[in-house]
Protein backbone atom coordinates (compact mmCIF):
# COMPACT_ATOMS: atom_id res chain seq x y z
CA UNK A 1 0.00 0.00 0.00
CA UNK A 2 1.08 3.56 -0.45
CA UNK A 3 1.81 5.57 2.63
CA UNK A 4 0.07 8.85 3.15
CA UNK A 5 2.47 11.08 5.04
CA UNK A 6 0.36 14.19 4.62
CA UNK A 7 2.34 15.52 1.68
CA UNK A 8 0.87 15.76 -1.81
CA UNK A 9 2.40 13.43 -4.41
CA UNK A 10 5.24 14.92 -6.41
CA UNK A 11 5.78 14.48 -10.12
CA UNK A 12 8.42 11.84 -9.35
CA UNK A 13 6.14 9.79 -7.09
CA UNK A 14 3.76 7.37 -8.68
CA UNK A 15 0.33 6.74 -7.23
CA UNK A 16 -0.32 3.02 -7.05
CA UNK A 17 -3.96 2.05 -7.41
CA UNK A 18 -5.27 -0.65 -5.04
CA UNK A 19 -6.16 -2.87 -8.02
CA UNK A 20 -2.61 -2.64 -9.38
CA UNK A 21 -1.09 -3.39 -6.00
CA UNK A 22 -3.42 -6.36 -5.49
CA UNK A 23 -2.67 -7.70 -8.98
CA UNK A 24 1.08 -7.56 -8.27
CA UNK A 25 0.54 -9.37 -4.96
CA UNK A 26 -1.58 -12.04 -6.69
CA UNK A 27 1.04 -12.68 -9.36
CA UNK A 28 3.72 -13.12 -6.70
CA UNK A 29 1.47 -15.42 -4.68
CA UNK A 30 0.54 -17.35 -7.84
CA UNK A 31 4.20 -18.03 -8.60
CA UNK A 32 4.89 -19.02 -5.01
CA UNK A 33 2.01 -21.49 -4.92
CA UNK A 34 2.75 -22.81 -8.40
CA UNK A 35 6.37 -23.50 -7.47
CA UNK A 36 5.54 -24.99 -4.05
CA UNK A 37 4.68 -28.34 -5.63
CA UNK A 38 1.45 -28.91 -3.72
CA UNK A 39 -2.11 -29.14 -5.01
CA UNK A 40 -3.04 -25.80 -6.55
CA UNK A 41 -6.18 -25.06 -8.56
CA UNK A 42 -4.86 -22.43 -10.97
CA UNK A 43 -8.21 -21.82 -12.68
CA UNK A 44 -10.01 -21.19 -9.41
CA UNK A 45 -7.22 -18.86 -8.25
CA UNK A 46 -7.43 -16.85 -11.49
CA UNK A 47 -11.24 -16.65 -11.29
CA UNK A 48 -11.10 -15.37 -7.70
CA UNK A 49 -8.37 -12.89 -8.59
CA UNK A 50 -10.42 -11.59 -11.52
CA UNK A 51 -13.51 -11.10 -9.34
CA UNK A 52 -11.59 -9.09 -6.75
CA UNK A 53 -9.83 -6.99 -9.38
CA UNK A 54 -13.16 -6.18 -11.04
CA UNK A 55 -14.59 -5.12 -7.68
CA UNK A 56 -11.55 -2.96 -6.86
CA UNK A 57 -11.72 -1.31 -10.28
CA UNK A 58 -15.41 -0.55 -9.71
CA UNK A 59 -14.58 1.01 -6.33
CA UNK A 60 -11.91 3.15 -7.96
CA UNK A 61 -14.40 4.43 -10.54
CA UNK A 62 -17.48 4.80 -8.34
CA UNK A 63 -15.80 5.60 -5.05
CA UNK A 64 -15.36 3.55 -1.91
CA UNK A 65 -18.45 2.64 0.11
PDB file of N, CA and C in Angstrom:
ATOM      1  N   UNK A   1       0.840  -1.168   0.000  1.00  0.00           N
ATOM      2  CA  UNK A   1       0.000   0.000   0.000  1.00  0.00           C
ATOM      3  C   UNK A   1       0.891   1.239   0.000  1.00  0.00           C
ATOM      4  N   UNK A   2       0.328   2.325  -0.467  1.00  0.00           N
ATOM      5  CA  UNK A   2       1.075   3.557  -0.452  1.00  0.00           C
ATOM      6  C   UNK A   2       0.866   4.254   0.877  1.00  0.00           C
ATOM      7  N   UNK A   3       1.899   4.854   1.358  1.00  0.00           N
ATOM      8  CA  UNK A   3       1.811   5.566   2.628  1.00  0.00           C
ATOM      9  C   UNK A   3       1.350   6.988   2.381  1.00  0.00           C
ATOM     10  N   UNK A   4       0.520   7.478   3.246  1.00  0.00           N
ATOM     11  CA  UNK A   4       0.069   8.855   3.151  1.00  0.00           C
ATOM     12  C   UNK A   4       0.706   9.607   4.302  1.00  0.00           C
ATOM     13  N   UNK A   5       1.756  10.364   3.993  1.00  0.00           N
ATOM     14  CA  UNK A   5       2.468  11.083   5.040  1.00  0.00           C
ATOM     15  C   UNK A   5       2.004  12.519   5.172  1.00  0.00           C
ATOM     16  N   UNK A   6       0.893  12.851   4.522  1.00  0.00           N
ATOM     17  CA  UNK A   6       0.358  14.192   4.620  1.00  0.00           C
ATOM     18  C   UNK A   6       0.870  15.138   3.561  1.00  0.00           C
ATOM     19  N   UNK A   7       1.803  14.685   2.738  1.00  0.00           N
ATOM     20  CA  UNK A   7       2.341  15.520   1.680  1.00  0.00           C
ATOM     21  C   UNK A   7       1.715  15.122   0.355  1.00  0.00           C
ATOM     22  N   UNK A   8       1.424  16.105  -0.498  1.00  0.00           N
ATOM     23  CA  UNK A   8       0.868  15.756  -1.807  1.00  0.00           C
ATOM     24  C   UNK A   8       1.899  15.022  -2.647  1.00  0.00           C
ATOM     25  N   UNK A   9       1.443  14.149  -3.563  1.00  0.00           N
ATOM     26  CA  UNK A   9       2.402  13.429  -4.407  1.00  0.00           C
ATOM     27  C   UNK A   9       3.173  14.395  -5.299  1.00  0.00           C
ATOM     28  N   UNK A  10       4.423  14.109  -5.514  1.00  0.00           N
ATOM     29  CA  UNK A  10       5.237  14.920  -6.409  1.00  0.00           C
ATOM     30  C   UNK A  10       5.191  14.302  -7.798  1.00  0.00           C
ATOM     31  N   UNK A  11       5.753  15.008  -8.756  1.00  0.00           N
ATOM     32  CA  UNK A  11       5.781  14.483 -10.117  1.00  0.00           C
ATOM     33  C   UNK A  11       6.581  13.188 -10.200  1.00  0.00           C
ATOM     34  N   UNK A  12       7.587  13.037  -9.323  1.00  0.00           N
ATOM     35  CA  UNK A  12       8.420  11.842  -9.347  1.00  0.00           C
ATOM     36  C   UNK A  12       7.729  10.647  -8.691  1.00  0.00           C
ATOM     37  N   UNK A  13       6.800  10.914  -7.758  1.00  0.00           N
ATOM     38  CA  UNK A  13       6.136   9.795  -7.086  1.00  0.00           C
ATOM     39  C   UNK A  13       5.005   9.278  -7.962  1.00  0.00           C
ATOM     40  N   UNK A  14       4.802   8.000  -7.881  1.00  0.00           N
ATOM     41  CA  UNK A  14       3.759   7.366  -8.684  1.00  0.00           C
ATOM     42  C   UNK A  14       2.671   6.862  -7.741  1.00  0.00           C
ATOM     43  N   UNK A  15       1.446   7.220  -8.031  1.00  0.00           N
ATOM     44  CA  UNK A  15       0.333   6.744  -7.226  1.00  0.00           C
ATOM     45  C   UNK A  15      -0.010   5.334  -7.687  1.00  0.00           C
ATOM     46  N   UNK A  16      -0.021   4.412  -6.739  1.00  0.00           N
ATOM     47  CA  UNK A  16      -0.320   3.024  -7.051  1.00  0.00           C
ATOM     48  C   UNK A  16      -1.772   2.756  -6.674  1.00  0.00           C
ATOM     49  N   UNK A  17      -2.559   2.357  -7.661  1.00  0.00           N
ATOM     50  CA  UNK A  17      -3.965   2.050  -7.411  1.00  0.00           C
ATOM     51  C   UNK A  17      -4.066   0.740  -6.648  1.00  0.00           C
ATOM     52  N   UNK A  18      -5.081   0.602  -5.789  1.00  0.00           N
ATOM     53  CA  UNK A  18      -5.266  -0.647  -5.045  1.00  0.00           C
ATOM     54  C   UNK A  18      -5.359  -1.865  -5.963  1.00  0.00           C
ATOM     55  N   UNK A  19      -6.027  -1.744  -7.101  1.00  0.00           N
ATOM     56  CA  UNK A  19      -6.158  -2.874  -8.017  1.00  0.00           C
ATOM     57  C   UNK A  19      -4.799  -3.297  -8.568  1.00  0.00           C
ATOM     58  N   UNK A  20      -3.947  -2.326  -8.873  1.00  0.00           N
ATOM     59  CA  UNK A  20      -2.605  -2.644  -9.384  1.00  0.00           C
ATOM     60  C   UNK A  20      -1.758  -3.326  -8.308  1.00  0.00           C
ATOM     61  N   UNK A  21      -1.861  -2.806  -7.095  1.00  0.00           N
ATOM     62  CA  UNK A  21      -1.094  -3.389  -5.995  1.00  0.00           C
ATOM     63  C   UNK A  21      -1.563  -4.813  -5.702  1.00  0.00           C
ATOM     64  N   UNK A  22      -2.869  -5.022  -5.730  1.00  0.00           N
ATOM     65  CA  UNK A  22      -3.416  -6.355  -5.489  1.00  0.00           C
ATOM     66  C   UNK A  22      -3.017  -7.312  -6.606  1.00  0.00           C
ATOM     67  N   UNK A  23      -3.054  -6.854  -7.845  1.00  0.00           N
ATOM     68  CA  UNK A  23      -2.665  -7.697  -8.979  1.00  0.00           C
ATOM     69  C   UNK A  23      -1.201  -8.133  -8.856  1.00  0.00           C
ATOM     70  N   UNK A  24      -0.339  -7.215  -8.452  1.00  0.00           N
ATOM     71  CA  UNK A  24       1.078  -7.563  -8.269  1.00  0.00           C
ATOM     72  C   UNK A  24       1.234  -8.594  -7.157  1.00  0.00           C
ATOM     73  N   UNK A  25       0.503  -8.404  -6.054  1.00  0.00           N
ATOM     74  CA  UNK A  25       0.539  -9.371  -4.959  1.00  0.00           C
ATOM     75  C   UNK A  25       0.073 -10.743  -5.447  1.00  0.00           C
ATOM     76  N   UNK A  26      -1.018 -10.764  -6.203  1.00  0.00           N
ATOM     77  CA  UNK A  26      -1.577 -12.036  -6.687  1.00  0.00           C
ATOM     78  C   UNK A  26      -0.606 -12.763  -7.602  1.00  0.00           C
ATOM     79  N   UNK A  27       0.085 -12.038  -8.462  1.00  0.00           N
ATOM     80  CA  UNK A  27       1.045 -12.676  -9.358  1.00  0.00           C
ATOM     81  C   UNK A  27       2.195 -13.295  -8.571  1.00  0.00           C
ATOM     82  N   UNK A  28       2.647 -12.586  -7.554  1.00  0.00           N
ATOM     83  CA  UNK A  28       3.718 -13.122  -6.703  1.00  0.00           C
ATOM     84  C   UNK A  28       3.238 -14.366  -5.963  1.00  0.00           C
ATOM     85  N   UNK A  29       2.036 -14.276  -5.414  1.00  0.00           N
ATOM     86  CA  UNK A  29       1.471 -15.415  -4.680  1.00  0.00           C
ATOM     87  C   UNK A  29       1.210 -16.591  -5.618  1.00  0.00           C
ATOM     88  N   UNK A  30       0.769 -16.303  -6.840  1.00  0.00           N
ATOM     89  CA  UNK A  30       0.537 -17.353  -7.836  1.00  0.00           C
ATOM     90  C   UNK A  30       1.834 -18.116  -8.102  1.00  0.00           C
ATOM     91  N   UNK A  31       2.909 -17.388  -8.335  1.00  0.00           N
ATOM     92  CA  UNK A  31       4.199 -18.027  -8.603  1.00  0.00           C
ATOM     93  C   UNK A  31       4.666 -18.850  -7.404  1.00  0.00           C
ATOM     94  N   UNK A  32       4.487 -18.302  -6.207  1.00  0.00           N
ATOM     95  CA  UNK A  32       4.892 -19.016  -5.006  1.00  0.00           C
ATOM     96  C   UNK A  32       4.133 -20.326  -4.873  1.00  0.00           C
ATOM     97  N   UNK A  33       2.826 -20.276  -5.047  1.00  0.00           N
ATOM     98  CA  UNK A  33       2.009 -21.492  -4.919  1.00  0.00           C
ATOM     99  C   UNK A  33       2.314 -22.483  -6.038  1.00  0.00           C
ATOM    100  N   UNK A  34       2.477 -21.954  -7.239  1.00  0.00           N
ATOM    101  CA  UNK A  34       2.750 -22.806  -8.402  1.00  0.00           C
ATOM    102  C   UNK A  34       4.076 -23.557  -8.221  1.00  0.00           C
ATOM    103  N   UNK A  35       5.055 -22.899  -7.653  1.00  0.00           N
ATOM    104  CA  UNK A  35       6.375 -23.503  -7.469  1.00  0.00           C
ATOM    105  C   UNK A  35       6.495 -24.325  -6.196  1.00  0.00           C
ATOM    106  N   UNK A  36       5.481 -24.273  -5.329  1.00  0.00           N
ATOM    107  CA  UNK A  36       5.540 -24.990  -4.054  1.00  0.00           C
ATOM    108  C   UNK A  36       5.368 -26.497  -4.231  1.00  0.00           C
ATOM    109  N   UNK A  37       4.801 -26.914  -5.345  1.00  0.00           N
ATOM    110  CA  UNK A  37       4.685 -28.337  -5.631  1.00  0.00           C
ATOM    111  C   UNK A  37       3.459 -29.015  -5.049  1.00  0.00           C
ATOM    112  N   UNK A  38       2.652 -28.311  -4.296  1.00  0.00           N
ATOM    113  CA  UNK A  38       1.446 -28.909  -3.724  1.00  0.00           C
ATOM    114  C   UNK A  38       0.275 -28.824  -4.687  1.00  0.00           C
ATOM    115  N   UNK A  39      -0.887 -29.229  -4.213  1.00  0.00           N
ATOM    116  CA  UNK A  39      -2.111 -29.139  -5.007  1.00  0.00           C
ATOM    117  C   UNK A  39      -2.505 -27.671  -5.105  1.00  0.00           C
ATOM    118  N   UNK A  40      -2.728 -27.210  -6.323  1.00  0.00           N
ATOM    119  CA  UNK A  40      -3.039 -25.801  -6.548  1.00  0.00           C
ATOM    120  C   UNK A  40      -3.971 -25.695  -7.739  1.00  0.00           C
ATOM    121  N   UNK A  41      -5.187 -25.206  -7.510  1.00  0.00           N
ATOM    122  CA  UNK A  41      -6.181 -25.056  -8.563  1.00  0.00           C
ATOM    123  C   UNK A  41      -5.973 -23.689  -9.224  1.00  0.00           C
ATOM    124  N   UNK A  42      -5.210 -23.678 -10.305  1.00  0.00           N
ATOM    125  CA  UNK A  42      -4.859 -22.431 -10.974  1.00  0.00           C
ATOM    126  C   UNK A  42      -6.078 -21.711 -11.531  1.00  0.00           C
ATOM    127  N   UNK A  43      -7.019 -22.450 -12.107  1.00  0.00           N
ATOM    128  CA  UNK A  43      -8.212 -21.821 -12.680  1.00  0.00           C
ATOM    129  C   UNK A  43      -9.044 -21.128 -11.610  1.00  0.00           C
ATOM    130  N   UNK A  44      -9.230 -21.784 -10.485  1.00  0.00           N
ATOM    131  CA  UNK A  44     -10.014 -21.191  -9.406  1.00  0.00           C
ATOM    132  C   UNK A  44      -9.306 -19.950  -8.858  1.00  0.00           C
ATOM    133  N   UNK A  45      -7.999 -20.012  -8.723  1.00  0.00           N
ATOM    134  CA  UNK A  45      -7.220 -18.865  -8.250  1.00  0.00           C
ATOM    135  C   UNK A  45      -7.407 -17.683  -9.193  1.00  0.00           C
ATOM    136  N   UNK A  46      -7.284 -17.927 -10.493  1.00  0.00           N
ATOM    137  CA  UNK A  46      -7.429 -16.850 -11.491  1.00  0.00           C
ATOM    138  C   UNK A  46      -8.850 -16.277 -11.485  1.00  0.00           C
ATOM    139  N   UNK A  47      -9.856 -17.135 -11.338  1.00  0.00           N
ATOM    140  CA  UNK A  47     -11.240 -16.647 -11.286  1.00  0.00           C
ATOM    141  C   UNK A  47     -11.451 -15.740 -10.072  1.00  0.00           C
ATOM    142  N   UNK A  48     -10.960 -16.168  -8.917  1.00  0.00           N
ATOM    143  CA  UNK A  48     -11.099 -15.371  -7.697  1.00  0.00           C
ATOM    144  C   UNK A  48     -10.357 -14.043  -7.835  1.00  0.00           C
ATOM    145  N   UNK A  49      -9.161 -14.101  -8.393  1.00  0.00           N
ATOM    146  CA  UNK A  49      -8.375 -12.891  -8.594  1.00  0.00           C
ATOM    147  C   UNK A  49      -9.119 -11.917  -9.509  1.00  0.00           C
ATOM    148  N   UNK A  50      -9.690 -12.431 -10.575  1.00  0.00           N
ATOM    149  CA  UNK A  50     -10.421 -11.593 -11.520  1.00  0.00           C
ATOM    150  C   UNK A  50     -11.621 -10.924 -10.852  1.00  0.00           C
ATOM    151  N   UNK A  51     -12.359 -11.669 -10.030  1.00  0.00           N
ATOM    152  CA  UNK A  51     -13.514 -11.102  -9.337  1.00  0.00           C
ATOM    153  C   UNK A  51     -13.109  -9.947  -8.425  1.00  0.00           C
ATOM    154  N   UNK A  52     -12.048 -10.144  -7.667  1.00  0.00           N
ATOM    155  CA  UNK A  52     -11.592  -9.091  -6.746  1.00  0.00           C
ATOM    156  C   UNK A  52     -11.090  -7.881  -7.524  1.00  0.00           C
ATOM    157  N   UNK A  53     -10.339  -8.107  -8.589  1.00  0.00           N
ATOM    158  CA  UNK A  53      -9.830  -6.992  -9.384  1.00  0.00           C
ATOM    159  C   UNK A  53     -10.969  -6.193 -10.021  1.00  0.00           C
ATOM    160  N   UNK A  54     -12.003  -6.875 -10.486  1.00  0.00           N
ATOM    161  CA  UNK A  54     -13.156  -6.175 -11.043  1.00  0.00           C
ATOM    162  C   UNK A  54     -13.834  -5.313  -9.984  1.00  0.00           C
ATOM    163  N   UNK A  55     -13.961  -5.859  -8.780  1.00  0.00           N
ATOM    164  CA  UNK A  55     -14.588  -5.124  -7.679  1.00  0.00           C
ATOM    165  C   UNK A  55     -13.742  -3.905  -7.289  1.00  0.00           C
ATOM    166  N   UNK A  56     -12.428  -4.082  -7.188  1.00  0.00           N
ATOM    167  CA  UNK A  56     -11.545  -2.961  -6.862  1.00  0.00           C
ATOM    168  C   UNK A  56     -11.616  -1.876  -7.937  1.00  0.00           C
ATOM    169  N   UNK A  57     -11.636  -2.276  -9.190  1.00  0.00           N
ATOM    170  CA  UNK A  57     -11.724  -1.308 -10.283  1.00  0.00           C
ATOM    171  C   UNK A  57     -13.034  -0.529 -10.200  1.00  0.00           C
ATOM    172  N   UNK A  58     -14.115  -1.221  -9.868  1.00  0.00           N
ATOM    173  CA  UNK A  58     -15.410  -0.554  -9.713  1.00  0.00           C
ATOM    174  C   UNK A  58     -15.356   0.456  -8.569  1.00  0.00           C
ATOM    175  N   UNK A  59     -14.729   0.078  -7.455  1.00  0.00           N
ATOM    176  CA  UNK A  59     -14.582   1.006  -6.331  1.00  0.00           C
ATOM    177  C   UNK A  59     -13.783   2.239  -6.740  1.00  0.00           C
ATOM    178  N   UNK A  60     -12.743   2.031  -7.534  1.00  0.00           N
ATOM    179  CA  UNK A  60     -11.912   3.150  -7.963  1.00  0.00           C
ATOM    180  C   UNK A  60     -12.697   4.114  -8.839  1.00  0.00           C
ATOM    181  N   UNK A  61     -13.601   3.590  -9.644  1.00  0.00           N
ATOM    182  CA  UNK A  61     -14.401   4.430 -10.540  1.00  0.00           C
ATOM    183  C   UNK A  61     -15.553   5.101  -9.787  1.00  0.00           C
ATOM    184  N   UNK A  62     -16.272   4.317  -9.001  1.00  0.00           N
ATOM    185  CA  UNK A  62     -17.485   4.795  -8.340  1.00  0.00           C
ATOM    186  C   UNK A  62     -17.222   5.415  -6.975  1.00  0.00           C
ATOM    187  N   UNK A  63     -16.106   5.120  -6.389  1.00  0.00           N
ATOM    188  CA  UNK A  63     -15.801   5.599  -5.050  1.00  0.00           C
ATOM    189  C   UNK A  63     -15.999   4.485  -4.052  1.00  0.00           C
ATOM    190  N   UNK A  64     -15.304   4.578  -2.946  1.00  0.00           N
ATOM    191  CA  UNK A  64     -15.355   3.548  -1.912  1.00  0.00           C
ATOM    192  C   UNK A  64     -16.637   3.688  -1.106  1.00  0.00           C
ATOM    193  N   UNK A  65     -17.200   2.560  -0.672  1.00  0.00           N
ATOM    194  CA  UNK A  65     -18.447   2.643   0.114  1.00  0.00           C
ATOM    195  C   UNK A  65     -18.223   3.275   1.474  1.00  0.00           C
TER     196      UNK A  65
END
